[in-house]
Amino acid sequence: MIIGEIERNDTERLRIEASNYKGSDFISVRIYYLADNGEWRPTKKGITVKPEKVDELIGFLSDAKEKAGTIEAEKEEG
């Protein structure tokens, strides 16, 4: 089930999906590309995690967002 997509450019999207494989639930964040036939197809670029790890992943992404702002500020000062 597609949860959402973020457009990276005209031919790539970051797609978030919930799925079930062999009785286990997963959340995947994967890059999709626009194929010649007009269909969106998955690449090998991405991650898949169990739902119970999503909060931990969100915490790390939040930390990364804060640090990215700090890195940009340091570049401007230096």
PDB file of N, CA and C in Angstrom:
ATOM      1  N   MET A   1       0.847  -1.165   0.000  1.00  0.00           N
ATOM      2  CA  MET A   1       0.000   0.000   0.000  1.00  0.00           C
ATOM      3  C   MET A   1       0.900   1.237   0.000  1.00  0.00           C
ATOM      4  N   ILE A   2       0.695   2.117  -0.979  1.00  0.00           N
ATOM      5  CA  ILE A   2       1.470   3.347  -1.056  1.00  0.00           C
ATOM      6  C   ILE A   2       0.966   4.324   0.010  1.00  0.00           C
ATOM      7  N   ILE A   3       1.889   4.808   0.829  1.00  0.00           N
ATOM      8  CA  ILE A   3       1.571   5.773   1.871  1.00  0.00           C
ATOM      9  C   ILE A   3       1.747   7.193   1.342  1.00  0.00           C
ATOM     10  N   GLY A   4       2.817   7.408   0.588  1.00  0.00           N
ATOM     11  CA  GLY A   4       3.071   8.731   0.027  1.00  0.00           C
ATOM     12  C   GLY A   4       4.287   8.719  -0.875  1.00  0.00           C
ATOM     13  N   GLU A   5       4.453   9.814  -1.609  1.00  0.00           N
ATOM     14  CA  GLU A   5       5.585   9.963  -2.514  1.00  0.00           C
ATOM     15  C   GLU A   5       6.130  11.382  -2.425  1.00  0.00           C
ATOM     16  N   ILE A   6       7.446  11.484  -2.616  1.00  0.00           N
ATOM     17  CA  ILE A   6       8.116  12.771  -2.676  1.00  0.00           C
ATOM     18  C   ILE A   6       8.838  12.823  -4.014  1.00  0.00           C
ATOM     19  N   GLU A   7       8.524  13.840  -4.815  1.00  0.00           N
ATOM     20  CA  GLU A   7       9.174  13.965  -6.118  1.00  0.00           C
ATOM     21  C   GLU A   7      10.610  14.434  -5.934  1.00  0.00           C
ATOM     22  N   ARG A   8      11.552  13.691  -6.512  1.00  0.00           N
ATOM     23  CA  ARG A   8      12.961  14.098  -6.475  1.00  0.00           C
ATOM     24  C   ARG A   8      13.303  14.935  -7.701  1.00  0.00           C
ATOM     25  N   ASN A   9      12.780  14.519  -8.846  1.00  0.00           N
ATOM     26  CA  ASN A   9      12.929  15.247 -10.102  1.00  0.00           C
ATOM     27  C   ASN A   9      11.885  14.686 -11.071  1.00  0.00           C
ATOM     28  N   ASP A  10      11.974  15.019 -12.342  1.00  0.00           N
ATOM     29  CA  ASP A  10      10.955  14.592 -13.304  1.00  0.00           C
ATOM     30  C   ASP A  10      10.886  13.083 -13.497  1.00  0.00           C
ATOM     31  N   THR A  11      11.982  12.375 -13.220  1.00  0.00           N
ATOM     32  CA  THR A  11      12.015  10.938 -13.487  1.00  0.00           C
ATOM     33  C   THR A  11      12.225  10.072 -12.256  1.00  0.00           C
ATOM     34  N   GLU A  12      12.279  10.687 -11.068  1.00  0.00           N
ATOM     35  CA  GLU A  12      12.482   9.914  -9.841  1.00  0.00           C
ATOM     36  C   GLU A  12      11.547  10.378  -8.734  1.00  0.00           C
ATOM     37  N   ARG A  13      11.099   9.396  -7.945  1.00  0.00           N
ATOM     38  CA  ARG A  13      10.258   9.667  -6.776  1.00  0.00           C
ATOM     39  C   ARG A  13      10.745   8.812  -5.612  1.00  0.00           C
ATOM     40  N   LEU A  14      10.582   9.351  -4.425  1.00  0.00           N
ATOM     41  CA  LEU A  14      10.837   8.596  -3.205  1.00  0.00           C
ATOM     42  C   LEU A  14       9.471   8.123  -2.723  1.00  0.00           C
ATOM     43  N   ARG A  15       9.273   6.822  -2.701  1.00  0.00           N
ATOM     44  CA  ARG A  15       7.961   6.270  -2.353  1.00  0.00           C
ATOM     45  C   ARG A  15       8.027   5.563  -0.998  1.00  0.00           C
ATOM     46  N   ILE A  16       7.054   5.856  -0.144  1.00  0.00           N
ATOM     47  CA  ILE A  16       6.918   5.206   1.152  1.00  0.00           C
ATOM     48  C   ILE A  16       5.745   4.239   1.054  1.00  0.00           C
ATOM     49  N   GLU A  17       6.001   2.974   1.395  1.00  0.00           N
ATOM     50  CA  GLU A  17       4.974   1.946   1.285  1.00  0.00           C
ATOM     51  C   GLU A  17       4.930   1.068   2.530  1.00  0.00           C
ATOM     52  N   ALA A  18       3.744   0.561   2.821  1.00  0.00           N
ATOM     53  CA  ALA A  18       3.561  -0.465   3.845  1.00  0.00           C
ATOM     54  C   ALA A  18       3.254  -1.754   3.096  1.00  0.00           C
ATOM     55  N   SER A  19       3.898  -2.844   3.521  1.00  0.00           N
ATOM     56  CA  SER A  19       3.680  -4.112   2.830  1.00  0.00           C
ATOM     57  C   SER A  19       3.787  -5.277   3.811  1.00  0.00           C
ATOM     58  N   ASN A  20       3.408  -6.431   3.321  1.00  0.00           N
ATOM     59  CA  ASN A  20       3.503  -7.665   4.095  1.00  0.00           C
ATOM     60  C   ASN A  20       4.193  -8.697   3.222  1.00  0.00           C
ATOM     61  N   TYR A  21       5.231  -9.341   3.784  1.00  0.00           N
ATOM     62  CA  TYR A  21       5.973 -10.366   3.052  1.00  0.00           C
ATOM     63  C   TYR A  21       6.123 -11.580   3.952  1.00  0.00           C
ATOM     64  N   LYS A  22       5.606 -12.694   3.493  1.00  0.00           N
ATOM     65  CA  LYS A  22       5.671 -13.958   4.245  1.00  0.00           C
ATOM     66  C   LYS A  22       5.178 -13.795   5.676  1.00  0.00           C
ATOM     67  N   GLY A  23       4.081 -13.042   5.842  1.00  0.00           N
ATOM     68  CA  GLY A  23       3.458 -12.887   7.146  1.00  0.00           C
ATOM     69  C   GLY A  23       4.043 -11.808   8.036  1.00  0.00           C
ATOM     70  N   SER A  24       5.054 -11.086   7.554  1.00  0.00           N
ATOM     71  CA  SER A  24       5.660 -10.011   8.341  1.00  0.00           C
ATOM     72  C   SER A  24       5.377  -8.668   7.685  1.00  0.00           C
ATOM     73  N   ASP A  25       5.090  -7.663   8.521  1.00  0.00           N
ATOM     74  CA  ASP A  25       4.827  -6.316   8.023  1.00  0.00           C
ATOM     75  C   ASP A  25       6.128  -5.539   7.883  1.00  0.00           C
ATOM     76  N   PHE A  26       6.189  -4.681   6.855  1.00  0.00           N
ATOM     77  CA  PHE A  26       7.365  -3.868   6.594  1.00  0.00           C
ATOM     78  C   PHE A  26       6.957  -2.484   6.116  1.00  0.00           C
ATOM     79  N   ILE A  27       7.845  -1.526   6.347  1.00  0.00           N
ATOM     80  CA  ILE A  27       7.731  -0.185   5.796  1.00  0.00           C
ATOM     81  C   ILE A  27       8.955   0.003   4.907  1.00  0.00           C
ATOM     82  N   SER A  28       8.725   0.441   3.676  1.00  0.00           N
ATOM     83  CA  SER A  28       9.864   0.672   2.788  1.00  0.00           C
ATOM     84  C   SER A  28       9.870   2.108   2.303  1.00  0.00           C
ATOM     85  N   VAL A  29      11.073   2.617   2.131  1.00  0.00           N
ATOM     86  CA  VAL A  29      11.316   3.933   1.556  1.00  0.00           C
ATOM     87  C   VAL A  29      12.272   3.662   0.402  1.00  0.00           C
ATOM     88  N   ARG A  30      11.786   3.828  -0.820  1.00  0.00           N
ATOM     89  CA  ARG A  30      12.553   3.407  -1.978  1.00  0.00           C
ATOM     90  C   ARG A  30      12.431   4.422  -3.103  1.00  0.00           C
ATOM     91  N   ILE A  31      13.506   4.549  -3.878  1.00  0.00           N
ATOM     92  CA  ILE A  31      13.481   5.407  -5.052  1.00  0.00           C
ATOM     93  C   ILE A  31      12.863   4.632  -6.210  1.00  0.00           C
ATOM     94  N   TYR A  32      11.913   5.279  -6.865  1.00  0.00           N
ATOM     95  CA  TYR A  32      11.283   4.736  -8.069  1.00  0.00           C
ATOM     96  C   TYR A  32      11.691   5.606  -9.250  1.00  0.00           C
ATOM     97  N   TYR A  33      11.794   4.999 -10.425  1.00  0.00           N
ATOM     98  CA  TYR A  33      12.125   5.752 -11.628  1.00  0.00           C
ATOM     99  C   TYR A  33      11.030   5.565 -12.669  1.00  0.00           C
ATOM    100  N   LEU A  34      10.933   6.535 -13.568  1.00  0.00           N
ATOM    101  CA  LEU A  34       9.943   6.494 -14.632  1.00  0.00           C
ATOM    102  C   LEU A  34      10.520   5.713 -15.807  1.00  0.00           C
ATOM    103  N   ALA A  35       9.941   4.551 -16.071  1.00  0.00           N
ATOM    104  CA  ALA A  35      10.409   3.687 -17.150  1.00  0.00           C
ATOM    105  C   ALA A  35       9.952   4.237 -18.502  1.00  0.00           C
ATOM    106  N   ASP A  36      10.546   3.720 -19.562  1.00  0.00           N
ATOM    107  CA  ASP A  36      10.213   4.165 -20.918  1.00  0.00           C
ATOM    108  C   ASP A  36       8.738   3.978 -21.260  1.00  0.00           C
ATOM    109  N   ASN A  37       8.095   2.987 -20.638  1.00  0.00           N
ATOM    110  CA  ASN A  37       6.680   2.720 -20.929  1.00  0.00           C
ATOM    111  C   ASN A  37       5.737   3.586 -20.077  1.00  0.00           C
ATOM    112  N   GLY A  38       6.309   4.507 -19.280  1.00  0.00           N
ATOM    113  CA  GLY A  38       5.498   5.413 -18.475  1.00  0.00           C
ATOM    114  C   GLY A  38       5.140   4.891 -17.098  1.00  0.00           C
ATOM    115  N   GLU A  39       5.591   3.680 -16.744  1.00  0.00           N
ATOM    116  CA  GLU A  39       5.319   3.107 -15.422  1.00  0.00           C
ATOM    117  C   GLU A  39       6.434   3.485 -14.451  1.00  0.00           C
ATOM    118  N   TRP A  40       6.051   3.636 -13.170  1.00  0.00           N
ATOM    119  CA  TRP A  40       7.036   3.865 -12.119  1.00  0.00           C
ATOM    120  C   TRP A  40       7.527   2.515 -11.623  1.00  0.00           C
ATOM    121  N   ARG A  41       8.857   2.326 -11.616  1.00  0.00           N
ATOM    122  CA  ARG A  41       9.448   1.059 -11.197  1.00  0.00           C
ATOM    123  C   ARG A  41      10.449   1.288 -10.067  1.00  0.00           C
ATOM    124  N   PRO A  42      10.554   0.307  -9.157  1.00  0.00           N
ATOM    125  CA  PRO A  42      11.475   0.474  -8.022  1.00  0.00           C
ATOM    126  C   PRO A  42      12.930   0.260  -8.433  1.00  0.00           C
ATOM    127  N   THR A  43      13.815   0.965  -7.738  1.00  0.00           N
ATOM    128  CA  THR A  43      15.246   0.722  -7.876  1.00  0.00           C
ATOM    129  C   THR A  43      15.699  -0.089  -6.665  1.00  0.00           C
ATOM    130  N   LYS A  44      16.975  -0.421  -6.615  1.00  0.00           N
ATOM    131  CA  LYS A  44      17.529  -1.104  -5.446  1.00  0.00           C
ATOM    132  C   LYS A  44      17.859  -0.100  -4.343  1.00  0.00           C
ATOM    133  N   LYS A  45      17.756   1.185  -4.668  1.00  0.00           N
ATOM    134  CA  LYS A  45      18.104   2.237  -3.707  1.00  0.00           C
ATOM    135  C   LYS A  45      16.943   2.464  -2.751  1.00  0.00           C
ATOM    136  N   GLY A  46      17.150   2.155  -1.484  1.00  0.00           N
ATOM    137  CA  GLY A  46      16.114   2.356  -0.489  1.00  0.00           C
ATOM    138  C   GLY A  46      16.357   1.493   0.730  1.00  0.00           C
ATOM    139  N   ILE A  47      15.414   1.576   1.659  1.00  0.00           N
ATOM    140  CA  ILE A  47      15.504   0.783   2.882  1.00  0.00           C
ATOM    141  C   ILE A  47      14.138   0.171   3.185  1.00  0.00           C
ATOM    142  N   THR A  48      14.189  -0.918   3.929  1.00  0.00           N
ATOM    143  CA  THR A  48      12.979  -1.576   4.421  1.00  0.00           C
ATOM    144  C   THR A  48      13.187  -1.855   5.899  1.00  0.00           C
ATOM    145  N   VAL A  49      12.211  -1.453   6.717  1.00  0.00           N
ATOM    146  CA  VAL A  49      12.302  -1.669   8.158  1.00  0.00           C
ATOM    147  C   VAL A  49      10.998  -2.240   8.681  1.00  0.00           C
ATOM    148  N   LYS A  50      11.096  -2.895   9.820  1.00  0.00           N
ATOM    149  CA  LYS A  50       9.895  -3.383  10.491  1.00  0.00           C
ATOM    150  C   LYS A  50       9.191  -2.190  11.142  1.00  0.00           C
ATOM    151  N   PRO A  51       7.874  -2.228  11.229  1.00  0.00           N
ATOM    152  CA  PRO A  51       7.126  -1.094  11.795  1.00  0.00           C
ATOM    153  C   PRO A  51       7.615  -0.660  13.174  1.00  0.00           C
ATOM    154  N   GLU A  52       8.050  -1.591  14.006  1.00  0.00           N
ATOM    155  CA  GLU A  52       8.488  -1.217  15.352  1.00  0.00           C
ATOM    156  C   GLU A  52       9.797  -0.414  15.346  1.00  0.00           C
ATOM    157  N   LYS A  53      10.491  -0.339  14.218  1.00  0.00           N
ATOM    158  CA  LYS A  53      11.727   0.450  14.106  1.00  0.00           C
ATOM    159  C   LYS A  53      11.493   1.832  13.510  1.00  0.00           C
ATOM    160  N   VAL A  54      10.269   2.120  13.066  1.00  0.00           N
ATOM    161  CA  VAL A  54       9.974   3.390  12.395  1.00  0.00           C
ATOM    162  C   VAL A  54      10.196   4.581  13.321  1.00  0.00           C
ATOM    163  N   ASP A  55       9.776   4.505  14.577  1.00  0.00           N
ATOM    164  CA  ASP A  55       9.977   5.633  15.500  1.00  0.00           C
ATOM    165  C   ASP A  55      11.461   5.922  15.698  1.00  0.00           C
ATOM    166  N   GLU A  56      12.262   4.882  15.776  1.00  0.00           N
ATOM    167  CA  GLU A  56      13.714   5.062  15.914  1.00  0.00           C
ATOM    168  C   GLU A  56      14.281   5.729  14.659  1.00  0.00           C
ATOM    169  N   LEU A  57      13.838   5.283  13.499  1.00  0.00           N
ATOM    170  CA  LEU A  57      14.273   5.875  12.233  1.00  0.00           C
ATOM    171  C   LEU A  57      13.880   7.348  12.159  1.00  0.00           C
ATOM    172  N   ILE A  58      12.656   7.665  12.560  1.00  0.00           N
ATOM    173  CA  ILE A  58      12.192   9.049  12.554  1.00  0.00           C
ATOM    174  C   ILE A  58      13.061   9.901  13.485  1.00  0.00           C
ATOM    175  N   GLY A  59      13.426   9.359  14.631  1.00  0.00           N
ATOM    176  CA  GLY A  59      14.302  10.082  15.558  1.00  0.00           C
ATOM    177  C   GLY A  59      15.649  10.392  14.923  1.00  0.00           C
ATOM    178  N   PHE A  60      16.236   9.415  14.240  1.00  0.00           N
ATOM    179  CA  PHE A  60      17.518   9.637  13.573  1.00  0.00           C
ATOM    180  C   PHE A  60      17.386  10.664  12.448  1.00  0.00           C
ATOM    181  N   LEU A  61      16.289  10.597  11.698  1.00  0.00           N
ATOM    182  CA  LEU A  61      16.072  11.567  10.627  1.00  0.00           C
ATOM    183  C   LEU A  61      15.894  12.976  11.199  1.00  0.00           C
ATOM    184  N   SER A  62      15.210  13.082  12.312  1.00  0.00           N
ATOM    185  CA  SER A  62      15.037  14.368  12.969  1.00  0.00           C
ATOM    186  C   SER A  62      16.390  14.925  13.421  1.00  0.00           C
ATOM    187  N   ASP A  63      17.224  14.055  14.003  1.00  0.00           N
ATOM    188  CA  ASP A  63      18.571  14.470  14.413  1.00  0.00           C
ATOM    189  C   ASP A  63      19.386  14.925  13.204  1.00  0.00           C
ATOM    190  N   ALA A  64      19.272  14.191  12.101  1.00  0.00           N
ATOM    191  CA  ALA A  64      20.009  14.537  10.882  1.00  0.00           C
ATOM    192  C   ALA A  64      19.561  15.894  10.347  1.00  0.00           C
ATOM    193  N   LYS A  65      18.269  16.163  10.429  1.00  0.00           N
ATOM    194  CA  LYS A  65      17.730  17.443   9.969  1.00  0.00           C
ATOM    195  C   LYS A  65      18.323  18.583  10.789  1.00  0.00           C
ATOM    196  N   GLU A  66      18.379  18.414  12.100  1.00  0.00           N
ATOM    197  CA  GLU A  66      18.959  19.437  12.971  1.00  0.00           C
ATOM    198  C   GLU A  66      20.435  19.655  12.660  1.00  0.00           C
ATOM    199  N   LYS A  67      21.169  18.565  12.484  1.00  0.00           N
ATOM    200  CA  LYS A  67      22.598  18.659  12.211  1.00  0.00           C
ATOM    201  C   LYS A  67      22.853  19.285  10.848  1.00  0.00           C
ATOM    202  N   ALA A  68      21.996  19.002   9.868  1.00  0.00           N
ATOM    203  CA  ALA A  68      22.156  19.594   8.535  1.00  0.00           C
ATOM    204  C   ALA A  68      22.035  21.109   8.625  1.00  0.00           C
ATOM    205  N   GLY A  69      21.123  21.599   9.427  1.00  0.00           N
ATOM    206  CA  GLY A  69      20.977  23.045   9.626  1.00  0.00           C
ATOM    207  C   GLY A  69      22.221  23.630  10.283  1.00  0.00           C
ATOM    208  N   THR A  70      22.803  22.879  11.216  1.00  0.00           N
ATOM    209  CA  THR A  70      24.034  23.319  11.894  1.00  0.00           C
ATOM    210  C   THR A  70      25.192  23.359  10.920  1.00  0.00           C
ATOM    211  N   ILE A  71      25.296  22.355  10.073  1.00  0.00           N
ATOM    212  CA  ILE A  71      26.389  22.302   9.092  1.00  0.00           C
ATOM    213  C   ILE A  71      26.294  23.501   8.157  1.00  0.00           C
ATOM    214  N   GLU A  72      25.096  23.818   7.689  1.00  0.00           N
ATOM    215  CA  GLU A  72      24.887  24.965   6.793  1.00  0.00           C
ATOM    216  C   GLU A  72      25.273  26.266   7.498  1.00  0.00           C
ATOM    217  N   ALA A  73      24.895  26.418   8.769  1.00  0.00           N
ATOM    218  CA  ALA A  73      25.231  27.629   9.518  1.00  0.00           C
ATOM    219  C   ALA A  73      26.745  27.746   9.695  1.00  0.00           C
ATOM    220  N   GLU A  74      27.409  26.626   9.942  1.00  0.00           N
ATOM    221  CA  GLU A  74      28.875  26.645  10.102  1.00  0.00           C
ATOM    222  C   GLU A  74      29.563  27.039   8.808  1.00  0.00           C
ATOM    223  N   LYS A  75      29.019  26.583   7.671  1.00  0.00           N
ATOM    224  CA  LYS A  75      29.597  26.949   6.368  1.00  0.00           C
ATOM    225  C   LYS A  75      29.512  28.464   6.151  1.00  0.00           C
ATOM    226  N   GLU A  76      28.369  29.049   6.529  1.00  0.00           N
ATOM    227  CA  GLU A  76      28.164  30.474   6.338  1.00  0.00           C
ATOM    228  C   GLU A  76      29.078  31.297   7.249  1.00  0.00           C
ATOM    229  N   GLU A  77      29.361  30.774   8.462  1.00  0.00           N
ATOM    230  CA  GLU A  77      30.228  31.497   9.406  1.00  0.00           C
ATOM    231  C   GLU A  77      31.688  31.385   9.003  1.00  0.00           C
ATOM    232  N   GLY A  78      32.078  30.255   8.460  1.00  0.00           N
ATOM    233  CA  GLY A  78      33.488  29.974   8.167  1.00  0.00           C
ATOM    234  C   GLY A  78      33.893  30.417   6.840  1.00  0.00           C
TER     235      GLY A  78
END
